[in-house]
C-alpha atoms as a PDB file:
ATOM      1  CA  UNK A   1      -0.257  -0.093  -0.335  1.00  0.00           C
ATOM      2  CA  UNK A   2       1.620   3.214  -0.996  1.00  0.00           C
ATOM      3  CA  UNK A   3       2.312   6.269   1.165  1.00  0.00           C
ATOM      4  CA  UNK A   4       2.065   9.395  -0.464  1.00  0.00           C
ATOM      5  CA  UNK A   5       5.001  11.833  -0.110  1.00  0.00           C
ATOM      6  CA  UNK A   6       4.243  15.010  -0.708  1.00  0.00           C
ATOM      7  CA  UNK A   7       6.350  16.987  -3.580  1.00  0.00           C
ATOM      8  CA  UNK A   8       6.392  19.629  -3.886  1.00  0.00           C
ATOM      9  CA  UNK A   9       3.774  22.911  -2.181  1.00  0.00           C
ATOM     10  CA  UNK A  10       5.130  25.735  -4.270  1.00  0.00           C
ATOM     11  CA  UNK A  11       1.435  27.019  -6.169  1.00  0.00           C
ATOM     12  CA  UNK A  12      -0.095  25.963  -2.647  1.00  0.00           C
ATOM     13  CA  UNK A  13       0.008  29.623  -2.109  1.00  0.00           C
ATOM     14  CA  UNK A  14      -2.578  29.784  -4.989  1.00  0.00           C
ATOM     15  CA  UNK A  15      -5.556  28.087  -4.175  1.00  0.00           C
ATOM     16  CA  UNK A  16      -8.723  29.619  -2.895  1.00  0.00           C
ATOM     17  CA  UNK A  17     -10.367  32.411  -4.662  1.00  0.00           C
ATOM     18  CA  UNK A  18      -9.154  36.025  -5.785  1.00  0.00           C
ATOM     19  CA  UNK A  19      -9.822  39.221  -7.974  1.00  0.00           C
ATOM     20  CA  UNK A  20      -7.720  39.968 -10.162  1.00  0.00           C
ATOM     21  CA  UNK A  21      -6.607  43.170 -11.650  1.00  0.00           C
ATOM     22  CA  UNK A  22      -4.876  42.610 -15.289  1.00  0.00           C
ATOM     23  CA  UNK A  23      -2.968  45.061 -17.407  1.00  0.00           C
ATOM     24  CA  UNK A  24      -2.390  43.638 -20.938  1.00  0.00           C
ATOM     25  CA  UNK A  25      -0.489  45.577 -23.848  1.00  0.00           C
ATOM     26  CA  UNK A  26      -2.824  46.535 -26.878  1.00  0.00           C
ATOM     27  CA  UNK A  27       0.129  45.669 -28.941  1.00  0.00           C
ATOM     28  CA  UNK A  28       3.567  43.368 -29.161  1.00  0.00           C
ATOM     29  CA  UNK A  29       6.494  43.664 -29.948  1.00  0.00           C
ATOM     30  CA  UNK A  30       6.158  47.550 -31.841  1.00  0.00           C
ATOM     31  CA  UNK A  31       7.313  49.330 -28.939  1.00  0.00           C
ATOM     32  CA  UNK A  32       3.502  50.103 -27.809  1.00  0.00           C
ATOM     33  CA  UNK A  33       3.108  51.556 -24.860  1.00  0.00           C
ATOM     34  CA  UNK A  34      -0.957  51.546 -24.678  1.00  0.00           C
ATOM     35  CA  UNK A  35      -1.765  49.504 -22.297  1.00  0.00           C
ATOM     36  CA  UNK A  36      -5.604  48.053 -21.419  1.00  0.00           C
ATOM     37  CA  UNK A  37      -6.794  47.706 -17.771  1.00  0.00           C
ATOM     38  CA  UNK A  38      -9.649  45.533 -16.301  1.00  0.00           C
ATOM     39  CA  UNK A  39     -10.820  43.044 -13.554  1.00  0.00           C
ATOM     40  CA  UNK A  40     -11.777  39.731 -13.510  1.00  0.00           C
ATOM     41  CA  UNK A  41     -11.710  37.299 -10.805  1.00  0.00           C
ATOM     42  CA  UNK A  42      -9.768  33.966 -10.503  1.00  0.00           C
ATOM     43  CA  UNK A  43     -10.523  30.193  -8.375  1.00  0.00           C
ATOM     44  CA  UNK A  44      -7.937  27.451  -7.538  1.00  0.00           C
ATOM     45  CA  UNK A  45      -7.446  24.522  -6.288  1.00  0.00           C
ATOM     46  CA  UNK A  46      -4.423  21.712  -5.796  1.00  0.00           C
ATOM     47  CA  UNK A  47      -4.399  17.667  -6.490  1.00  0.00           C
ATOM     48  CA  UNK A  48      -1.242  15.169  -6.165  1.00  0.00           C
ATOM     49  CA  UNK A  49      -0.884  16.793  -2.276  1.00  0.00           C
ATOM     50  CA  UNK A  50       0.605  19.943  -4.048  1.00  0.00           C
ATOM     51  CA  UNK A  51       1.593  18.372  -7.516  1.00  0.00           C
ATOM     52  CA  UNK A  52      -0.748  19.544 -10.030  1.00  0.00           C
ATOM     53  CA  UNK A  53      -2.217  23.094  -9.809  1.00  0.00           C
ATOM     54  CA  UNK A  54      -5.500  24.087 -11.691  1.00  0.00           C
ATOM     55  CA  UNK A  55      -7.209  27.981 -11.657  1.00  0.00           C
ATOM     56  CA  UNK A  56     -10.283  28.754 -13.807  1.00  0.00           C
ATOM     57  CA  UNK A  57      -9.795  32.321 -14.226  1.00  0.00           C
ATOM     58  CA  UNK A  58     -12.984  34.686 -15.294  1.00  0.00           C
ATOM     59  CA  UNK A  59     -13.353  37.626 -17.597  1.00  0.00           C
ATOM     60  CA  UNK A  60     -16.785  38.966 -17.274  1.00  0.00           C
ATOM     61  CA  UNK A  61     -16.306  41.948 -19.534  1.00  0.00           C
ATOM     62  CA  UNK A  62     -15.029  39.842 -22.280  1.00  0.00           C
ATOM     63  CA  UNK A  63     -17.875  37.078 -21.890  1.00  0.00           C
ATOM     64  CA  UNK A  64     -14.582  34.374 -21.341  1.00  0.00           C
ATOM     65  CA  UNK A  65     -12.888  31.867 -19.614  1.00  0.00           C
ATOM     66  CA  UNK A  66      -9.047  30.829 -19.101  1.00  0.00           C
ATOM     67  CA  UNK A  67      -6.999  28.019 -17.497  1.00  0.00           C
ATOM     68  CA  UNK A  68      -3.712  27.312 -16.418  1.00  0.00           C
ATOM     69  CA  UNK A  69      -2.586  23.287 -15.898  1.00  0.00           C
ATOM     70  CA  UNK A  70       0.427  23.364 -13.899  1.00  0.00           C
ATOM     71  CA  UNK A  71       1.791  20.200 -13.481  1.00  0.00           C
ATOM     72  CA  UNK A  72       5.028  19.002 -11.391  1.00  0.00           C
ATOM     73  CA  UNK A  73       7.838  16.357 -12.688  1.00  0.00           C
ATOM     74  CA  UNK A  74       9.010  14.903  -9.789  1.00  0.00           C
ATOM     75  CA  UNK A  75      11.941  13.245 -11.297  1.00  0.00           C
ATOM     76  CA  UNK A  76      13.391  16.925 -12.906  1.00  0.00           C
ATOM     77  CA  UNK A  77      11.804  19.151  -9.982  1.00  0.00           C
ATOM     78  CA  UNK A  78      10.256  21.612 -12.695  1.00  0.00           C
ATOM     79  CA  UNK A  79       6.817  22.805 -13.630  1.00  0.00           C
ATOM     80  CA  UNK A  80       4.758  22.427 -16.952  1.00  0.00           C
ATOM     81  CA  UNK A  81       2.379  25.148 -17.077  1.00  0.00           C
ATOM     82  CA  UNK A  82      -0.372  24.910 -20.199  1.00  0.00           C
ATOM     83  CA  UNK A  83      -3.129  27.724 -20.791  1.00  0.00           C
ATOM     84  CA  UNK A  84      -6.083  27.320 -22.186  1.00  0.00           C
ATOM     85  CA  UNK A  85      -8.731  29.596 -23.549  1.00  0.00           C
ATOM     86  CA  UNK A  86     -12.502  28.967 -23.714  1.00  0.00           C
ATOM     87  CA  UNK A  87     -12.231  31.455 -27.091  1.00  0.00           C
ATOM     88  CA  UNK A  88     -10.348  28.315 -28.769  1.00  0.00           C
ATOM     89  CA  UNK A  89     -10.666  25.449 -25.924  1.00  0.00           C
ATOM     90  CA  UNK A  90      -7.087  24.535 -27.402  1.00  0.00           C
ATOM     91  CA  UNK A  91      -4.114  23.216 -25.140  1.00  0.00           C
ATOM     92  CA  UNK A  92      -1.245  26.634 -25.889  1.00  0.00           C
ATOM     93  CA  UNK A  93       2.242  25.354 -26.146  1.00  0.00           C
ATOM     94  CA  UNK A  94       3.287  24.497 -22.593  1.00  0.00           C
ATOM     95  CA  UNK A  95       6.389  26.980 -20.167  1.00  0.00           C
ATOM     96  CA  UNK A  96       8.522  25.117 -18.001  1.00  0.00           C
ATOM     97  CA  UNK A  97      10.552  25.962 -15.191  1.00  0.00           C
ATOM     98  CA  UNK A  98      10.885  26.715 -11.372  1.00  0.00           C
ATOM     99  CA  UNK A  99      11.191  28.833  -8.053  1.00  0.00           C
ATOM    100  CA  UNK A 100      13.844  29.889  -6.429  1.00  0.00           C
ATOM    101  CA  UNK A 101      14.578  32.727  -3.766  1.00  0.00           C
ATOM    102  CA  UNK A 102      10.866  33.324  -3.534  1.00  0.00           C
ATOM    103  CA  UNK A 103      10.242  33.803  -7.489  1.00  0.00           C
ATOM    104  CA  UNK A 104       9.160  31.563 -10.185  1.00  0.00           C
ATOM    105  CA  UNK A 105      10.109  31.899 -13.749  1.00  0.00           C
ATOM    106  CA  UNK A 106       9.127  29.488 -17.242  1.00  0.00           C
ATOM    107  CA  UNK A 107       9.706  29.835 -20.819  1.00  0.00           C
ATOM    108  CA  UNK A 108       8.675  28.092 -23.660  1.00  0.00           C
ATOM    109  CA  UNK A 109       8.210  28.156 -26.994  1.00  0.00           C
ATOM    110  CA  UNK A 110       5.701  29.661 -29.339  1.00  0.00           C
ATOM    111  CA  UNK A 111       4.715  30.995 -32.928  1.00  0.00           C
ATOM    112  CA  UNK A 112       3.760  34.448 -33.740  1.00  0.00           C
ATOM    113  CA  UNK A 113       2.610  36.436 -36.947  1.00  0.00           C
ATOM    114  CA  UNK A 114       4.422  33.119 -38.372  1.00  0.00           C
ATOM    115  CA  UNK A 115       7.290  33.554 -36.843  1.00  0.00           C
ATOM    116  CA  UNK A 116       9.193  31.808 -33.501  1.00  0.00           C
ATOM    117  CA  UNK A 117       9.248  33.926 -30.470  1.00  0.00           C
ATOM    118  CA  UNK A 118       9.652  32.717 -26.499  1.00  0.00           C
ATOM    119  CA  UNK A 119       6.948  33.232 -23.763  1.00  0.00           C
ATOM    120  CA  UNK A 120       8.120  33.532 -20.287  1.00  0.00           C
ATOM    121  CA  UNK A 121       5.594  33.604 -17.172  1.00  0.00           C
ATOM    122  CA  UNK A 122       6.559  35.008 -13.753  1.00  0.00           C
ATOM    123  CA  UNK A 123       5.281  34.455 -10.590  1.00  0.00           C
ATOM    124  CA  UNK A 124       6.661  37.151  -7.655  1.00  0.00           C
ATOM    125  CA  UNK A 125       5.483  38.809  -4.355  1.00  0.00           C
ATOM    126  CA  UNK A 126       3.735  36.118  -3.336  1.00  0.00           C
ATOM    127  CA  UNK A 127       1.573  37.062   0.247  1.00  0.00           C
ATOM    128  CA  UNK A 128      -0.458  34.882   2.453  1.00  0.00           C
ATOM    129  CA  UNK A 129      -2.989  37.116   0.352  1.00  0.00           C
ATOM    130  CA  UNK A 130      -1.616  38.730  -2.587  1.00  0.00           C
ATOM    131  CA  UNK A 131       0.977  37.450  -5.575  1.00  0.00           C
ATOM    132  CA  UNK A 132       2.039  38.708  -8.675  1.00  0.00           C
ATOM    133  CA  UNK A 133       1.778  37.214 -12.464  1.00  0.00           C
ATOM    134  CA  UNK A 134       3.945  38.492 -16.103  1.00  0.00           C
ATOM    135  CA  UNK A 135       4.210  37.690 -19.226  1.00  0.00           C
ATOM    136  CA  UNK A 136       6.724  38.527 -21.428  1.00  0.00           C
ATOM    137  CA  UNK A 137       7.407  38.237 -25.049  1.00  0.00           C
ATOM    138  CA  UNK A 138      10.382  37.502 -27.065  1.00  0.00           C
ATOM    139  CA  UNK A 139      12.034  37.709 -30.346  1.00  0.00           C
ATOM    140  CA  UNK A 140      15.366  38.007 -30.183  1.00  0.00           C
ATOM    141  CA  UNK A 141      16.143  34.527 -28.201  1.00  0.00           C
ATOM    142  CA  UNK A 142      15.578  36.035 -25.126  1.00  0.00           C
ATOM    143  CA  UNK A 143      18.112  38.365 -25.602  1.00  0.00           C
ATOM    144  CA  UNK A 144      15.724  40.802 -24.225  1.00  0.00           C
ATOM    145  CA  UNK A 145      11.529  40.989 -22.916  1.00  0.00           C
ATOM    146  CA  UNK A 146       8.622  42.469 -23.431  1.00  0.00           C
ATOM    147  CA  UNK A 147       6.202  42.755 -20.761  1.00  0.00           C
ATOM    148  CA  UNK A 148       2.747  42.119 -22.233  1.00  0.00           C
ATOM    149  CA  UNK A 149       0.267  40.590 -19.700  1.00  0.00           C
ATOM    150  CA  UNK A 150       0.186  40.922 -15.607  1.00  0.00           C
ATOM    151  CA  UNK A 151      -2.137  40.386 -12.884  1.00  0.00           C
ATOM    152  CA  UNK A 152      -2.265  41.158  -9.826  1.00  0.00           C
ATOM    153  CA  UNK A 153      -4.027  38.535  -7.278  1.00  0.00           C
ATOM    154  CA  UNK A 154      -5.870  39.637  -4.379  1.00  0.00           C
ATOM    155  CA  UNK A 155      -7.635  37.607  -1.858  1.00  0.00           C
ATOM    156  CA  UNK A 156     -12.158  37.039  -1.910  1.00  0.00           C
ATOM    157  CA  UNK A 157     -13.547  35.599   0.640  1.00  0.00           C
ATOM    158  CA  UNK A 158     -16.396  33.767  -1.880  1.00  0.00           C
ATOM    159  CA  UNK A 159     -16.511  32.273  -5.022  1.00  0.00           C
ATOM    160  CA  UNK A 160     -16.456  34.760  -7.447  1.00  0.00           C
ATOM    161  CA  UNK A 161     -20.088  34.465  -9.699  1.00  0.00           C
ATOM    162  CA  UNK A 162     -19.861  32.488 -13.026  1.00  0.00           C
ATOM    163  CA  UNK A 163     -19.691  33.829 -16.521  1.00  0.00           C
ATOM    164  CA  UNK A 164     -22.518  35.187 -18.133  1.00  0.00           C
ATOM    165  CA  UNK A 165     -22.578  33.010 -21.460  1.00  0.00           C
ATOM    166  CA  UNK A 166     -23.965  30.083 -23.073  1.00  0.00           C
ATOM    167  CA  UNK A 167     -23.733  26.809 -21.218  1.00  0.00           C
ATOM    168  CA  UNK A 168     -21.816  24.444 -24.341  1.00  0.00           C
ATOM    169  CA  UNK A 169     -22.261  21.085 -23.332  1.00  0.00           C
ATOM    170  CA  UNK A 170     -23.798  18.919 -20.452  1.00  0.00           C
ATOM    171  CA  UNK A 171     -21.375  15.995 -21.604  1.00  0.00           C
ATOM    172  CA  UNK A 172     -19.609  15.251 -18.406  1.00  0.00           C
ATOM    173  CA  UNK A 173     -21.680  16.498 -16.019  1.00  0.00           C
ATOM    174  CA  UNK A 174     -22.935  12.749 -14.863  1.00  0.00           C
ATOM    175  CA  UNK A 175     -19.276  12.518 -13.586  1.00  0.00           C
ATOM    176  CA  UNK A 176     -19.350  15.426 -11.029  1.00  0.00           C
ATOM    177  CA  UNK A 177     -18.799  13.880  -8.321  1.00  0.00           C
ATOM    178  CA  UNK A 178     -17.038  11.860  -5.546  1.00  0.00           C
ATOM    179  CA  UNK A 179     -16.574   8.194  -6.428  1.00  0.00           C
ATOM    180  CA  UNK A 180     -15.229   4.301  -5.313  1.00  0.00           C
ATOM    181  CA  UNK A 181     -13.872   2.844  -8.689  1.00  0.00           C
ATOM    182  CA  UNK A 182     -13.809  -0.868  -8.779  1.00  0.00           C
ATOM    183  CA  UNK A 183     -10.778  -1.478 -11.553  1.00  0.00           C
ATOM    184  CA  UNK A 184      -9.923  -4.914 -13.449  1.00  0.00           C
ATOM    185  CA  UNK A 185      -6.125  -4.595 -14.814  1.00  0.00           C
ATOM    186  CA  UNK A 186      -4.916  -6.452 -17.716  1.00  0.00           C
ATOM    187  CA  UNK A 187      -1.287  -7.962 -16.874  1.00  0.00           C
ATOM    188  CA  UNK A 188       0.702  -7.123 -19.586  1.00  0.00           C
ATOM    189  CA  UNK A 189      -1.747  -4.567 -21.289  1.00  0.00           C
ATOM    190  CA  UNK A 190      -1.139  -6.336 -24.479  1.00  0.00           C
ATOM    191  CA  UNK A 191       0.608 -10.163 -25.109  1.00  0.00           C
ATOM    192  CA  UNK A 192      -0.389 -13.503 -23.603  1.00  0.00           C
ATOM    193  CA  UNK A 193      -0.395 -14.776 -21.299  1.00  0.00           C
ATOM    194  CA  UNK A 194      -2.259 -12.243 -19.575  1.00  0.00           C
ATOM    195  CA  UNK A 195      -3.746 -12.404 -15.839  1.00  0.00           C
ATOM    196  CA  UNK A 196      -6.763  -9.636 -15.062  1.00  0.00           C
ATOM    197  CA  UNK A 197      -6.568  -7.989 -11.235  1.00  0.00           C
ATOM    198  CA  UNK A 198      -8.489  -5.860  -9.093  1.00  0.00           C
ATOM    199  CA  UNK A 199      -7.566  -2.815  -8.448  1.00  0.00           C
ATOM    200  CA  UNK A 200      -9.509  -0.570  -5.265  1.00  0.00           C
ATOM    201  CA  UNK A 201      -9.679   3.175  -6.099  1.00  0.00           C
ATOM    202  CA  UNK A 202     -11.159   6.928  -5.244  1.00  0.00           C
ATOM    203  CA  UNK A 203     -11.875   9.095  -7.783  1.00  0.00           C
ATOM    204  CA  UNK A 204     -12.955  12.863  -7.073  1.00  0.00           C
ATOM    205  CA  UNK A 205     -14.260  15.070 -10.414  1.00  0.00           C
ATOM    206  CA  UNK A 206     -15.163  18.768 -11.294  1.00  0.00           C
ATOM    207  CA  UNK A 207     -15.926  20.366 -13.799  1.00  0.00           C
ATOM    208  CA  UNK A 208     -14.834  23.575 -15.256  1.00  0.00           C
ATOM    209  CA  UNK A 209     -15.873  26.692 -18.423  1.00  0.00           C
ATOM    210  CA  UNK A 210     -19.876  25.616 -17.515  1.00  0.00           C
ATOM    211  CA  UNK A 211     -19.121  21.599 -18.649  1.00  0.00           C
ATOM    212  CA  UNK A 212     -16.096  22.640 -21.214  1.00  0.00           C
ATOM    213  CA  UNK A 213     -13.437  21.652 -19.232  1.00  0.00           C
ATOM    214  CA  UNK A 214     -13.903  18.082 -16.928  1.00  0.00           C
ATOM    215  CA  UNK A 215     -10.549  16.839 -14.438  1.00  0.00           C
ATOM    216  CA  UNK A 216     -10.553  14.116 -12.323  1.00  0.00           C
ATOM    217  CA  UNK A 217      -8.257  13.131  -9.960  1.00  0.00           C
ATOM    218  CA  UNK A 218      -8.208   9.579  -8.827  1.00  0.00           C
ATOM    219  CA  UNK A 219      -6.013   7.626  -5.967  1.00  0.00           C
ATOM    220  CA  UNK A 220      -4.844   4.013  -6.526  1.00  0.00           C
ATOM    221  CA  UNK A 221      -2.522   3.290  -3.661  1.00  0.00           C
ATOM    222  CA  UNK A 222      -1.821  -0.281  -4.875  1.00  0.00           C
ATOM    223  CA  UNK A 223      -0.388   0.929  -7.886  1.00  0.00           C
ATOM    224  CA  UNK A 224       1.866   2.993  -6.396  1.00  0.00           C
ATOM    225  CA  UNK A 225       0.552   6.028  -8.433  1.00  0.00           C
ATOM    226  CA  UNK A 226      -2.130   8.450  -8.646  1.00  0.00           C
ATOM    227  CA  UNK A 227      -3.941   9.581 -12.354  1.00  0.00           C
ATOM    228  CA  UNK A 228      -5.405  12.459 -13.453  1.00  0.00           C
ATOM    229  CA  UNK A 229      -7.893  12.869 -16.643  1.00  0.00           C
ATOM    230  CA  UNK A 230      -8.256  16.564 -18.013  1.00  0.00           C
ATOM    231  CA  UNK A 231     -11.158  16.846 -20.715  1.00  0.00           C
ATOM    232  CA  UNK A 232     -11.735  19.371 -23.282  1.00  0.00           C
ATOM    233  CA  UNK A 233     -14.929  19.746 -25.241  1.00  0.00           C
ATOM    234  CA  UNK A 234     -14.295  21.759 -29.395  1.00  0.00           C
ATOM    235  CA  UNK A 235     -17.338  23.325 -30.001  1.00  0.00           C
ATOM    236  CA  UNK A 236     -17.681  23.288 -33.205  1.00  0.00           C
ATOM    237  CA  UNK A 237     -16.847  19.874 -33.565  1.00  0.00           C
ATOM    238  CA  UNK A 238     -18.939  18.974 -30.742  1.00  0.00           C
ATOM    239  CA  UNK A 239     -15.317  16.795 -29.602  1.00  0.00           C
ATOM    240  CA  UNK A 240     -13.741  16.294 -26.552  1.00  0.00           C
ATOM    241  CA  UNK A 241      -9.876  15.819 -26.342  1.00  0.00           C
ATOM    242  CA  UNK A 242      -9.085  13.538 -23.027  1.00  0.00           C
ATOM    243  CA  UNK A 243      -4.980  13.918 -21.693  1.00  0.00           C
ATOM    244  CA  UNK A 244      -3.984  11.016 -18.691  1.00  0.00           C
ATOM    245  CA  UNK A 245      -2.124  12.647 -16.024  1.00  0.00           C
ATOM    246  CA  UNK A 246       0.460  10.469 -14.494  1.00  0.00           C
ATOM    247  CA  UNK A 247       2.110  11.689 -11.193  1.00  0.00           C
ATOM    248  CA  UNK A 248       5.159   9.325 -11.728  1.00  0.00           C
ATOM    249  CA  UNK A 249       5.617  11.594 -14.878  1.00  0.00           C
ATOM    250  CA  UNK A 250       4.214  14.820 -14.498  1.00  0.00           C
ATOM    251  CA  UNK A 251       2.553  15.760 -18.595  1.00  0.00           C
ATOM    252  CA  UNK A 252      -0.141  15.640 -20.623  1.00  0.00           C
ATOM    253  CA  UNK A 253      -0.269  12.504 -22.202  1.00  0.00           C
ATOM    254  CA  UNK A 254      -1.215  12.536 -26.176  1.00  0.00           C
ATOM    255  CA  UNK A 255      -4.967  12.554 -25.962  1.00  0.00           C
ATOM    256  CA  UNK A 256      -7.826  10.761 -27.063  1.00  0.00           C
ATOM    257  CA  UNK A 257     -10.542  12.431 -29.356  1.00  0.00           C
ATOM    258  CA  UNK A 258     -14.105  11.562 -29.413  1.00  0.00           C
ATOM    259  CA  UNK A 259     -17.938  12.134 -28.565  1.00  0.00           C
ATOM    260  CA  UNK A 260     -21.211  11.172 -27.082  1.00  0.00           C
ATOM    261  CA  UNK A 261     -23.105   9.107 -30.061  1.00  0.00           C
ATOM    262  CA  UNK A 262     -27.391   8.503 -30.070  1.00  0.00           C
ATOM    263  CA  UNK A 263     -26.856   5.887 -27.649  1.00  0.00           C
ATOM    264  CA  UNK A 264     -25.601   7.433 -25.037  1.00  0.00           C
ATOM    265  CA  UNK A 265     -21.878   5.661 -25.313  1.00  0.00           C
ATOM    266  CA  UNK A 266     -19.129   7.789 -25.663  1.00  0.00           C
ATOM    267  CA  UNK A 267     -15.704   6.553 -27.603  1.00  0.00           C
ATOM    268  CA  UNK A 268     -12.819   8.180 -27.762  1.00  0.00           C
ATOM    269  CA  UNK A 269      -9.693   6.979 -29.632  1.00  0.00           C
ATOM    270  CA  UNK A 270      -6.297   7.993 -30.547  1.00  0.00           C
ATOM    271  CA  UNK A 271      -2.450   7.450 -31.243  1.00  0.00           C
ATOM    272  CA  UNK A 272       0.011   5.882 -28.045  1.00  0.00           C
ATOM    273  CA  UNK A 273       3.004   4.225 -28.151  1.00  0.00           C
ATOM    274  CA  UNK A 274       3.255   0.858 -25.529  1.00  0.00           C
ATOM    275  CA  UNK A 275       7.249  -0.273 -24.712  1.00  0.00           C
ATOM    276  CA  UNK A 276       8.578   1.358 -28.065  1.00  0.00           C
ATOM    277  CA  UNK A 277       5.485   0.168 -29.916  1.00  0.00           C
ATOM    278  CA  UNK A 278       3.182   2.230 -31.790  1.00  0.00           C
ATOM    279  CA  UNK A 279      -0.399   1.647 -31.225  1.00  0.00           C
ATOM    280  CA  UNK A 280      -3.756   2.897 -30.812  1.00  0.00           C
ATOM    281  CA  UNK A 281      -6.199   3.584 -27.863  1.00  0.00           C
ATOM    282  CA  UNK A 282      -9.514   3.592 -27.151  1.00  0.00           C
ATOM    283  CA  UNK A 283     -12.057   4.783 -24.030  1.00  0.00           C
ATOM    284  CA  UNK A 284     -15.606   3.779 -23.563  1.00  0.00           C
ATOM    285  CA  UNK A 285     -17.860   5.955 -21.928  1.00  0.00           C
ATOM    286  CA  UNK A 286     -20.854   4.184 -19.925  1.00  0.00           C
ATOM    287  CA  UNK A 287     -22.170   7.429 -18.835  1.00  0.00           C
ATOM    288  CA  UNK A 288     -24.843   7.249 -15.532  1.00  0.00           C
ATOM    289  CA  UNK A 289     -26.044   8.776 -12.528  1.00  0.00           C
ATOM    290  CA  UNK A 290     -25.372   6.551  -9.802  1.00  0.00           C
ATOM    291  CA  UNK A 291     -22.856   3.686 -11.764  1.00  0.00           C
ATOM    292  CA  UNK A 292     -20.954   4.747 -14.147  1.00  0.00           C
ATOM    293  CA  UNK A 293     -18.504   2.282 -16.603  1.00  0.00           C
ATOM    294  CA  UNK A 294     -15.488   3.402 -18.785  1.00  0.00           C
ATOM    295  CA  UNK A 295     -13.363   1.217 -20.542  1.00  0.00           C
ATOM    296  CA  UNK A 296      -9.488   1.067 -21.611  1.00  0.00           C
ATOM    297  CA  UNK A 297      -8.632  -1.021 -24.827  1.00  0.00           C
ATOM    298  CA  UNK A 298      -4.761  -1.249 -26.830  1.00  0.00           C
ATOM    299  CA  UNK A 299      -4.866  -2.008 -31.049  1.00  0.00           C
ATOM    300  CA  UNK A 300      -2.117  -2.828 -33.230  1.00  0.00           C
ATOM    301  CA  UNK A 301      -4.103  -3.422 -36.100  1.00  0.00           C
ATOM    302  CA  UNK A 302      -4.747  -0.256 -36.353  1.00  0.00           C
ATOM    303  CA  UNK A 303      -7.880  -0.293 -35.197  1.00  0.00           C
ATOM    304  CA  UNK A 304      -9.192  -3.317 -36.656  1.00  0.00           C
ATOM    305  CA  UNK A 305      -8.959  -5.487 -33.703  1.00  0.00           C
ATOM    306  CA  UNK A 306      -8.581  -4.053 -29.345  1.00  0.00           C
ATOM    307  CA  UNK A 307      -8.024  -6.066 -26.444  1.00  0.00           C
ATOM    308  CA  UNK A 308      -9.448  -4.157 -23.377  1.00  0.00           C
ATOM    309  CA  UNK A 309      -6.620  -4.209 -20.580  1.00  0.00           C
ATOM    310  CA  UNK A 310      -8.191  -1.756 -17.773  1.00  0.00           C
ATOM    311  CA  UNK A 311     -12.119  -1.481 -16.601  1.00  0.00           C
ATOM    312  CA  UNK A 312     -13.381   0.822 -14.396  1.00  0.00           C
ATOM    313  CA  UNK A 313     -16.540   0.468 -12.197  1.00  0.00           C
ATOM    314  CA  UNK A 314     -17.846   3.821 -10.960  1.00  0.00           C
ATOM    315  CA  UNK A 315     -20.135   3.730  -7.694  1.00  0.00           C
ATOM    316  CA  UNK A 316     -20.958   7.433  -7.053  1.00  0.00           C
ATOM    317  CA  UNK A 317     -20.274   8.256  -2.908  1.00  0.00           C
ATOM    318  CA  UNK A 318     -20.694  12.469  -2.697  1.00  0.00           C
END
């Protein structure tokens, strides 16, 4: 039975609710000094005992949401941060870095107007009730940086109101809450001979962006890891991208993509690797208010045949 050890508390300061004052540069990397100011709010929580930090930013004047997904790599001792906007529902290229002397600096690569640039995030001036964040761009390989977005956080006592926009989907609303999970796993996942064994676990599920993002955290004490799932809804295609997160690796895995059919069954597929071998992965979801079922299968022949290797039966506890 695994005893969990807290790896980090770097972003524990952000747990809770905040008022946020934003300043954004109207035009970037052109020498502009025209700043726009507006107010927003933020709600954040941690998972994996601090090794995942998620916040939902509310932009009421813009009618949109934003989310940061922060994942700690327990081997490299570094953070990877992904940004998602409700206006695109795409995971943006990440920034990576860490903390030193009370400040955090992270850098990543992006493309702006067809040209490669560097992007940086920084956190500083952390107190129990306030914090400061900045985003900067560089078009010269990091020799110089231009700040184009700042946020000043002030803790608030109450949960902020939702943004007044139409609800995009309710596909995964059935999953919000707490569950006991009866797992059956195949060992090995591919190949013969194989045995099935049982794994008890628990899961807690949250909804963001009025249902367009679903996130869960699962505990697998006999397996030596914890798992999380990030699900993103794409309004234009009515499909979901589903990313798995393993506490031992601290990154977003390659997603499976799909949707719920008229029969209510959710089918999600995507490419992956297993022990160096290219495979396809399929998730099947059978929704239910108090009981639900999930199954994972692998295919080595382009999806012509599937071998199930993990089944979960969910029973609601809260």
